[in-house]
Amino acid sequence: MAWFDQIENDGSTGSLQERVFAQIQDDILNGKYQPGDSLIESRLSQELGVSRTPVREALKQLELKGLVKSTPNKGTVVTGITSQDIYDIYTIRMKIEGLAARWAAEKITQEELAELKEAVELEEFYTMKNDVGQLYKFDNNFHYILFKASKSRPLINTLSTFHHYLQRARNASFSTPGRARKALKEHQDILQAIIDRDPDRAEKLTEKHIRNAMNNLLKNK
């Protein structure tokens, strides 16, 4: 499980309702349940091996997050992540991930810098092997180390939610021809800006990286 999933789904060690919520949310975000699918309480409770009460509460929470919609006499229907949601999230990410890179360039420790270099080296290795699964993993690691180096817990929590919501879309983006190599070069440039302790350059390059990722994804949807 990726680090973003661990943060977003910390209900795995929480209450039953939290675990049920995390499972159904993952099933929506991973595409098991598609937009327009009906979510039946009795069926979900049977599949998950729980009573209907935690399922009912989880569906209420999912509605607050905009992933499902409940209609009287019609039940609960999956809305999922729309193209507009993706555009909005990437636009917000441009600003706050740029800020994360700025703060990382100012505050990163030598240990974190070594971790960031290793993540980029491994990303390069798996780019040459065209291993999308491993690429996704080390792309996540790169961003995690960057966010951790910003020393801002609110920023990390906000971005973890965004990355979790976009996990399926980001994985698809890596699969488009040529994107993995471009993303690697962009990460290498961001890394160099952080090594140089240049917050302005790190912020601008990160914003450009997120913009390129968004354009690639929306172009290939």
Protein backbone atom coordinates (compact mmCIF):
# COMPACT_ATOMS: atom_id res chain seq x y z
CA MET A 1 0.00 0.00 0.00
CA ALA A 2 1.35 3.45 -0.94
CA TRP A 3 2.10 5.99 1.75
CA PHE A 4 -0.80 8.20 0.62
CA ASP A 5 -3.18 5.30 1.08
CA GLN A 6 -1.81 4.68 4.56
CA ILE A 7 -2.44 8.28 5.59
CA GLU A 8 -5.84 8.54 3.95
CA ASN A 9 -6.94 5.10 5.12
CA ASP A 10 -5.66 5.14 8.67
CA GLY A 11 -9.07 3.72 9.54
CA SER A 12 -7.50 0.32 8.86
CA THR A 13 -6.50 0.35 12.52
CA GLY A 14 -9.55 2.35 13.66
CA SER A 15 -13.20 1.61 14.22
CA LEU A 16 -15.24 -0.85 12.19
CA GLN A 17 -17.06 2.03 10.50
CA GLU A 18 -13.74 3.61 9.48
CA ARG A 19 -12.53 0.33 8.00
CA VAL A 20 -15.79 -0.16 6.09
CA PHE A 21 -15.60 3.42 4.81
CA ALA A 22 -11.97 2.97 3.70
CA GLN A 23 -12.79 -0.27 1.84
CA ILE A 24 -15.80 1.12 -0.04
CA GLN A 25 -13.91 4.32 -0.85
CA ASP A 26 -10.99 2.30 -2.25
CA ASP A 27 -13.40 0.20 -4.32
CA ILE A 28 -14.86 3.39 -5.82
CA LEU A 29 -11.49 5.03 -6.48
CA ASN A 30 -10.01 1.82 -7.93
CA GLY A 31 -12.95 1.40 -10.32
CA LYS A 32 -14.65 -1.65 -8.81
CA TYR A 33 -17.77 0.51 -8.55
CA GLN A 34 -18.32 2.78 -11.54
CA PRO A 35 -20.28 6.07 -11.70
CA GLY A 36 -23.96 5.20 -11.91
CA ASP A 37 -23.64 1.91 -10.01
CA SER A 38 -26.07 1.39 -7.15
CA LEU A 39 -24.65 0.56 -3.72
CA ILE A 40 -27.04 -1.71 -1.83
CA GLU A 41 -26.57 -1.78 1.95
CA SER A 42 -27.55 -5.43 2.33
CA ARG A 43 -25.22 -6.55 -0.46
CA LEU A 44 -22.29 -4.51 0.85
CA SER A 45 -22.79 -5.78 4.40
CA GLN A 46 -22.76 -9.36 3.10
CA GLU A 47 -19.64 -8.79 0.98
CA LEU A 48 -17.77 -7.10 3.82
CA GLY A 49 -19.01 -9.45 6.52
CA VAL A 50 -20.46 -6.71 8.73
CA SER A 51 -23.88 -5.51 9.81
CA ARG A 52 -25.74 -2.86 7.84
CA THR A 53 -25.12 -0.13 10.44
CA PRO A 54 -21.42 0.56 9.67
CA VAL A 55 -22.21 0.32 5.94
CA ARG A 56 -25.01 2.88 6.30
CA GLU A 57 -22.71 5.25 8.21
CA ALA A 58 -19.89 4.76 5.70
CA LEU A 59 -22.24 5.66 2.83
CA LYS A 60 -23.23 8.85 4.63
CA GLN A 61 -19.56 9.76 4.99
CA LEU A 62 -18.91 8.97 1.32
CA GLU A 63 -21.76 11.28 0.35
CA LEU A 64 -20.15 14.09 2.35
CA LYS A 65 -16.98 13.48 0.31
CA GLY A 66 -18.97 13.66 -2.93
CA LEU A 67 -18.23 10.10 -4.03
CA VAL A 68 -21.85 8.88 -3.82
CA LYS A 69 -25.31 10.42 -3.89
CA SER A 70 -28.32 9.19 -1.96
CA THR A 71 -31.82 9.81 -3.33
CA PRO A 72 -35.02 8.99 -1.42
CA ASN A 73 -36.67 5.83 -2.74
CA LYS A 74 -33.77 5.29 -5.18
CA GLY A 75 -30.91 4.39 -2.86
CA THR A 76 -27.24 5.31 -3.12
CA VAL A 77 -25.51 5.77 -6.47
CA VAL A 78 -21.79 6.16 -7.17
CA THR A 79 -20.76 9.54 -8.55
CA GLY A 80 -17.00 8.93 -8.37
CA ILE A 81 -14.33 11.35 -9.60
CA THR A 82 -15.35 13.41 -12.63
CA SER A 83 -13.13 15.10 -15.23
CA GLN A 84 -13.99 18.42 -13.59
CA ASP A 85 -12.89 17.03 -10.21
CA ILE A 86 -9.58 15.96 -11.74
CA TYR A 87 -9.05 19.39 -13.31
CA ASP A 88 -9.87 21.15 -10.03
CA ILE A 89 -7.62 18.90 -7.95
CA TYR A 90 -4.66 19.28 -10.30
CA THR A 91 -5.13 23.06 -10.38
CA ILE A 92 -5.08 23.21 -6.59
CA ARG A 93 -2.13 20.80 -6.49
CA MET A 94 -0.11 23.16 -8.71
CA LYS A 95 -0.23 25.79 -6.00
CA ILE A 96 0.21 23.76 -2.85
CA GLU A 97 2.73 21.25 -4.21
CA GLY A 98 4.72 24.20 -5.49
CA LEU A 99 4.65 25.55 -1.95
CA ALA A 100 5.75 22.15 -0.63
CA ALA A 101 8.76 22.17 -2.96
CA ARG A 102 9.62 25.74 -1.91
CA TRP A 103 9.58 24.81 1.76
CA ALA A 104 11.46 21.57 1.06
CA ALA A 105 14.25 23.52 -0.65
CA GLU A 106 14.51 25.65 2.47
CA LYS A 107 14.12 22.98 5.15
CA ILE A 108 15.19 19.57 3.77
CA THR A 109 17.64 17.59 5.89
CA GLN A 110 20.62 15.71 4.49
CA GLU A 111 18.90 12.41 5.31
CA GLU A 112 15.76 13.44 3.42
CA LEU A 113 17.87 14.69 0.51
CA ALA A 114 19.57 11.28 0.30
CA GLU A 115 16.13 9.61 0.29
CA LEU A 116 14.94 11.94 -2.48
CA LYS A 117 18.00 11.16 -4.60
CA GLU A 118 17.47 7.43 -4.12
CA ALA A 119 13.79 7.71 -5.13
CA VAL A 120 14.77 9.48 -8.37
CA GLU A 121 17.51 6.92 -9.09
CA LEU A 122 15.05 4.05 -8.64
CA GLU A 123 12.47 5.86 -10.74
CA GLU A 124 15.08 6.14 -13.50
CA PHE A 125 15.89 2.43 -13.22
CA TYR A 126 12.25 1.37 -13.54
CA THR A 127 11.60 3.91 -16.31
CA MET A 128 14.26 2.14 -18.36
CA LYS A 129 12.54 -1.18 -17.59
CA ASN A 130 9.11 0.30 -18.39
CA ASP A 131 7.73 -1.12 -15.14
CA VAL A 132 4.63 1.02 -14.55
CA GLY A 133 3.80 -0.56 -11.18
CA GLN A 134 7.21 0.24 -9.71
CA LEU A 135 7.20 3.67 -11.35
CA TYR A 136 3.95 4.53 -9.59
CA LYS A 137 5.47 3.40 -6.29
CA PHE A 138 8.62 5.51 -6.59
CA ASP A 139 6.72 8.49 -7.96
CA ASN A 140 4.68 8.33 -4.75
CA ASN A 141 7.89 8.06 -2.74
CA PHE A 142 9.36 11.13 -4.45
CA HIS A 143 6.33 13.23 -3.58
CA TYR A 144 6.11 11.86 -0.05
CA ILE A 145 9.73 12.76 0.73
CA LEU A 146 9.20 16.20 -0.79
CA PHE A 147 6.13 16.81 1.34
CA LYS A 148 7.81 15.42 4.45
CA ALA A 149 10.72 17.80 3.87
CA SER A 150 8.31 20.76 3.84
CA LYS A 151 7.77 20.15 7.58
CA SER A 152 4.08 21.05 7.23
CA ARG A 153 1.61 18.50 8.57
CA PRO A 154 -1.51 20.30 7.25
CA LEU A 155 0.04 20.34 3.78
CA ILE A 156 0.87 16.63 3.94
CA ASN A 157 -2.66 15.71 5.05
CA THR A 158 -4.27 17.82 2.30
CA LEU A 159 -2.07 16.43 -0.44
CA SER A 160 -2.47 12.85 0.75
CA THR A 161 -6.21 13.14 0.15
CA PHE A 162 -5.67 14.53 -3.35
CA HIS A 163 -3.20 11.81 -4.31
CA HIS A 164 -5.49 9.12 -2.97
CA TYR A 165 -8.42 10.44 -5.02
CA LEU A 166 -6.26 10.54 -8.15
CA GLN A 167 -4.52 7.18 -7.75
CA ARG A 168 -6.32 5.49 -10.65
CA ALA A 169 -5.97 8.51 -12.94
CA ARG A 170 -2.27 8.93 -12.12
CA ASN A 171 -1.58 5.26 -12.80
CA ALA A 172 -3.29 5.59 -16.19
CA SER A 173 -1.24 8.71 -16.91
CA PHE A 174 2.01 6.79 -16.39
CA SER A 175 0.87 4.27 -18.98
CA THR A 176 0.61 6.84 -21.79
CA PRO A 177 3.56 6.71 -24.22
CA GLY A 178 6.46 8.96 -23.26
CA ARG A 179 4.97 10.35 -20.05
CA ALA A 180 7.15 8.31 -17.67
CA ARG A 181 10.39 9.63 -19.21
CA LYS A 182 9.11 13.21 -19.14
CA ALA A 183 8.03 12.84 -15.50
CA LEU A 184 11.47 11.46 -14.62
CA LYS A 185 13.19 14.48 -16.21
CA GLU A 186 10.86 16.81 -14.34
CA HIS A 187 11.63 15.07 -11.04
CA GLN A 188 15.36 15.27 -11.77
CA ASP A 189 15.06 19.02 -12.38
CA ILE A 190 13.09 19.53 -9.15
CA LEU A 191 15.67 17.47 -7.26
CA GLN A 192 18.50 19.63 -8.60
CA ALA A 193 16.69 22.81 -7.56
CA ILE A 194 16.35 21.42 -4.04
CA ILE A 195 20.00 20.35 -3.96
CA ASP A 196 20.85 23.92 -4.98
CA ARG A 197 18.60 25.24 -2.19
CA ASP A 198 16.73 27.34 -4.76
CA PRO A 199 13.12 27.66 -3.50
CA ASP A 200 11.93 29.84 -6.39
CA ARG A 201 13.11 27.36 -9.02
CA ALA A 202 11.84 24.37 -7.05
CA GLU A 203 8.38 25.92 -6.79
CA LYS A 204 8.16 26.87 -10.48
CA LEU A 205 9.41 23.47 -11.67
CA THR A 206 6.94 21.65 -9.44
CA GLU A 207 4.03 23.74 -10.69
CA LYS A 208 5.13 22.98 -14.26
CA HIS A 209 5.38 19.25 -13.44
CA ILE A 210 1.82 19.15 -12.08
CA ARG A 211 0.51 21.16 -15.06
CA ASN A 212 2.16 18.76 -17.51
CA ALA A 213 0.72 15.75 -15.67
CA MET A 214 -2.77 17.27 -15.76
CA ASN A 215 -2.57 18.13 -19.45
CA ASN A 216 -1.33 14.62 -20.28
CA LEU A 217 -4.13 13.02 -18.29
CA LEU A 218 -6.97 15.15 -19.64
CA LYS A 219 -5.67 14.83 -23.20
CA ASN A 220 -5.79 11.04 -22.97
CA LYS A 221 -9.09 10.62 -21.15
